[in-house]
Amino acid sequence: MRLVAKIKCFIFSFLVLLSFNSFADLQAELELNLEPAREILEETGTVFYIDNGLLNISVDMQEILKSIPNLQKANIINPDITQTNINLNRVEIAEFIALFNAGLIIMKAYESSIVDKLNTHVYLVIPDDYGNKKKHLAFSFKFDRKIYEKINWSSFSPENLPKVALSFKEYLTYSADE
């Protein structure tokens, strides 16, 4: 595991505390099927589509940051996180929420349909150095039904998605020149 990834795991363990232990707990709490999940994800700046085995997920960092007070009220994100911590870790928080949402979307997609293989691309929409919104590939991976069936979704943690997904690749650079 890259040092950067280890540091991010530590930061997220310290900064972001999910009030539920697994995707299944979230599902039970919200009684989701794919369409209500889509509404909740959109409220937190996440939109997605699945087409012919391609899953594209876009997360608008500014929308995620706006939703943090609501996520804190719902105990999804640690209520003790200060605005300073949020400002210093904006991209990392958006990446974590994108990773969590990717896992939720995958779980619901396989549960709700006959999807066999997914090639997944997760994008962060981040203002560039000039204030213009730019879409950046944050990470990509492949997922199939065999992996889905191996996972115990009632205790699966989103931090493990990079470990279990096939060909997981993280893209670490976000700049105005991309």
Protein backbone atom coordinates (compact mmCIF):
# COMPACT_ATOMS: atom_id res chain seq x y z
CA MET A 1 0.00 0.00 0.00
CA ARG A 2 1.37 3.42 -0.92
CA LEU A 3 2.46 5.71 1.88
CA VAL A 4 -0.03 8.31 0.62
CA ALA A 5 -2.83 5.76 0.90
CA LYS A 6 -1.77 4.83 4.44
CA ILE A 7 -1.72 8.48 5.44
CA LYS A 8 -5.18 8.99 3.91
CA CYS A 9 -6.51 5.94 5.78
CA PHE A 10 -5.18 7.42 9.01
CA ILE A 11 -6.69 10.83 8.24
CA PHE A 12 -10.05 9.30 7.41
CA SER A 13 -9.98 7.08 10.50
CA PHE A 14 -9.33 10.17 12.56
CA LEU A 15 -11.52 12.72 10.77
CA VAL A 16 -14.43 10.82 9.28
CA LEU A 17 -16.44 8.59 11.56
CA LEU A 18 -19.36 6.81 9.94
CA SER A 19 -22.25 6.24 12.31
CA PHE A 20 -23.01 2.91 10.70
CA ASN A 21 -20.58 0.03 10.38
CA SER A 22 -21.46 -1.17 6.90
CA PHE A 23 -23.34 -0.61 3.69
CA ALA A 24 -26.05 -2.99 4.90
CA ASP A 25 -26.63 -0.85 7.99
CA LEU A 26 -27.04 2.19 5.75
CA GLN A 27 -29.41 0.30 3.50
CA ALA A 28 -31.49 -0.84 6.46
CA GLU A 29 -31.48 2.64 7.93
CA LEU A 30 -32.59 4.32 4.72
CA GLU A 31 -34.50 1.38 3.16
CA LEU A 32 -32.93 2.10 -0.22
CA ASN A 33 -33.59 0.79 -3.65
CA LEU A 34 -31.64 2.21 -6.59
CA GLU A 35 -33.83 5.27 -7.28
CA PRO A 36 -34.01 6.64 -3.71
CA ALA A 37 -30.26 5.98 -3.46
CA ARG A 38 -29.82 8.14 -6.55
CA GLU A 39 -31.68 11.02 -4.86
CA ILE A 40 -29.60 10.79 -1.70
CA LEU A 41 -26.37 10.60 -3.67
CA GLU A 42 -27.34 13.62 -5.77
CA GLU A 43 -28.01 15.61 -2.60
CA THR A 44 -24.42 14.96 -1.56
CA GLY A 45 -23.02 16.00 -4.95
CA THR A 46 -22.85 12.51 -6.47
CA VAL A 47 -24.39 11.55 -9.79
CA PHE A 48 -23.88 8.32 -11.67
CA TYR A 49 -24.97 6.31 -14.65
CA ILE A 50 -24.53 2.72 -15.70
CA ASP A 51 -24.42 1.91 -19.40
CA ASN A 52 -23.23 -1.33 -21.03
CA GLY A 53 -20.99 -2.32 -18.12
CA LEU A 54 -19.55 1.16 -17.62
CA LEU A 55 -20.26 2.87 -14.31
CA ASN A 56 -19.38 6.57 -14.22
CA ILE A 57 -19.64 8.39 -10.93
CA SER A 58 -19.07 12.13 -10.55
CA VAL A 59 -18.73 13.86 -7.21
CA ASP A 60 -18.86 17.64 -7.01
CA MET A 61 -16.48 18.59 -4.23
CA GLN A 62 -18.25 21.87 -3.53
CA GLU A 63 -21.61 20.08 -3.13
CA ILE A 64 -20.00 17.54 -0.80
CA LEU A 65 -18.57 20.36 1.29
CA LYS A 66 -21.98 22.07 1.45
CA SER A 67 -23.57 18.81 2.59
CA ILE A 68 -21.11 18.20 5.44
CA PRO A 69 -23.22 19.95 8.12
CA ASN A 70 -26.18 17.73 7.16
CA LEU A 71 -23.96 14.65 7.13
CA GLN A 72 -22.72 15.63 10.57
CA LYS A 73 -26.28 16.10 11.87
CA ALA A 74 -27.11 12.62 10.56
CA ASN A 75 -23.96 11.25 12.27
CA ILE A 76 -22.58 10.06 8.95
CA ILE A 77 -19.54 12.28 9.40
CA ASN A 78 -18.05 12.98 12.80
CA PRO A 79 -19.80 16.08 14.21
CA ASP A 80 -16.54 17.12 15.90
CA ILE A 81 -14.80 17.86 12.59
CA THR A 82 -14.08 21.56 12.52
CA GLN A 83 -14.36 23.83 9.52
CA THR A 84 -10.57 24.18 9.62
CA ASN A 85 -10.18 20.39 9.26
CA ILE A 86 -12.68 20.42 6.41
CA ASN A 87 -10.86 23.27 4.64
CA LEU A 88 -7.47 21.56 5.01
CA ASN A 89 -8.76 18.18 3.77
CA ARG A 90 -11.36 19.14 1.15
CA VAL A 91 -10.13 16.84 -1.60
CA GLU A 92 -9.47 13.93 0.76
CA ILE A 93 -12.96 14.18 2.27
CA ALA A 94 -14.50 14.32 -1.20
CA GLU A 95 -12.44 11.28 -2.26
CA PHE A 96 -13.55 9.35 0.82
CA ILE A 97 -17.21 10.16 0.23
CA ALA A 98 -16.78 9.26 -3.45
CA LEU A 99 -15.28 5.90 -2.45
CA PHE A 100 -18.08 5.24 0.00
CA ASN A 101 -20.73 6.21 -2.55
CA ALA A 102 -19.06 4.03 -5.21
CA GLY A 103 -19.40 1.04 -2.89
CA LEU A 104 -23.03 1.85 -2.19
CA ILE A 105 -23.81 2.25 -5.90
CA ILE A 106 -22.07 -1.02 -6.75
CA MET A 107 -23.93 -2.89 -4.01
CA LYS A 108 -27.27 -1.52 -5.20
CA ALA A 109 -26.48 -2.11 -8.89
CA TYR A 110 -25.67 -5.78 -8.38
CA GLU A 111 -28.57 -6.22 -6.00
CA SER A 112 -31.06 -4.56 -8.36
CA SER A 113 -30.06 -5.91 -11.76
CA ILE A 114 -28.33 -8.58 -13.76
CA VAL A 115 -25.07 -6.63 -13.97
CA ASP A 116 -22.15 -9.03 -14.32
CA LYS A 117 -19.10 -6.79 -14.82
CA LEU A 118 -18.58 -3.10 -14.21
CA ASN A 119 -15.73 -0.91 -15.37
CA THR A 120 -15.94 1.97 -12.91
CA HIS A 121 -14.59 5.51 -13.23
CA VAL A 122 -15.00 7.93 -10.34
CA TYR A 123 -14.50 11.62 -11.05
CA LEU A 124 -14.15 14.59 -8.74
CA VAL A 125 -15.48 17.90 -9.99
CA ILE A 126 -13.12 20.45 -8.50
CA PRO A 127 -12.65 24.14 -9.20
CA ASP A 128 -9.34 24.72 -10.97
CA ASP A 129 -6.89 27.43 -9.98
CA TYR A 130 -9.03 29.92 -11.92
CA GLY A 131 -12.34 28.95 -10.31
CA ASN A 132 -13.70 26.94 -13.24
CA LYS A 133 -15.16 23.52 -12.45
CA LYS A 134 -13.06 20.71 -13.92
CA LYS A 135 -13.80 17.00 -13.93
CA HIS A 136 -10.80 14.90 -12.79
CA LEU A 137 -10.51 11.14 -12.77
CA ALA A 138 -9.99 10.26 -9.09
CA PHE A 139 -9.90 6.49 -9.34
CA SER A 140 -10.93 3.63 -11.55
CA PHE A 141 -11.43 -0.08 -11.04
CA LYS A 142 -13.21 -3.17 -12.30
CA PHE A 143 -15.77 -5.15 -10.39
CA ASP A 144 -17.61 -8.35 -11.18
CA ARG A 145 -20.37 -10.50 -9.75
CA LYS A 146 -17.86 -12.98 -8.26
CA ILE A 147 -16.37 -10.22 -6.13
CA TYR A 148 -19.82 -8.92 -5.24
CA GLU A 149 -20.86 -12.37 -4.03
CA LYS A 150 -17.66 -12.83 -1.96
CA ILE A 151 -18.27 -9.64 -0.01
CA ASN A 152 -20.18 -9.79 3.24
CA TRP A 153 -22.00 -6.50 2.68
CA SER A 154 -23.35 -6.48 6.23
CA SER A 155 -19.84 -5.86 7.56
CA PHE A 156 -17.98 -4.49 4.52
CA SER A 157 -16.13 -1.22 5.04
CA PRO A 158 -15.68 1.22 2.13
CA GLU A 159 -11.95 1.59 2.87
CA ASN A 160 -11.55 -1.99 1.63
CA LEU A 161 -12.93 -1.31 -1.84
CA PRO A 162 -9.43 -0.64 -3.27
CA LYS A 163 -8.27 -3.98 -1.86
CA VAL A 164 -11.08 -6.12 -3.28
CA ALA A 165 -11.76 -4.40 -6.61
CA LEU A 166 -9.84 -5.48 -9.69
CA SER A 167 -7.23 -3.14 -11.20
CA PHE A 168 -7.87 -0.34 -8.69
CA LYS A 169 -5.96 2.78 -9.70
CA GLU A 170 -5.90 6.08 -7.87
CA TYR A 171 -5.05 9.30 -9.69
CA LEU A 172 -3.47 11.75 -7.26
CA THR A 173 -2.97 14.95 -9.27
CA TYR A 174 -5.58 17.68 -9.60
CA SER A 175 -4.38 20.92 -11.15
CA ALA A 176 -5.56 23.71 -13.44
CA ASP A 177 -3.47 22.36 -16.29
CA GLU A 178 -5.25 18.98 -16.55
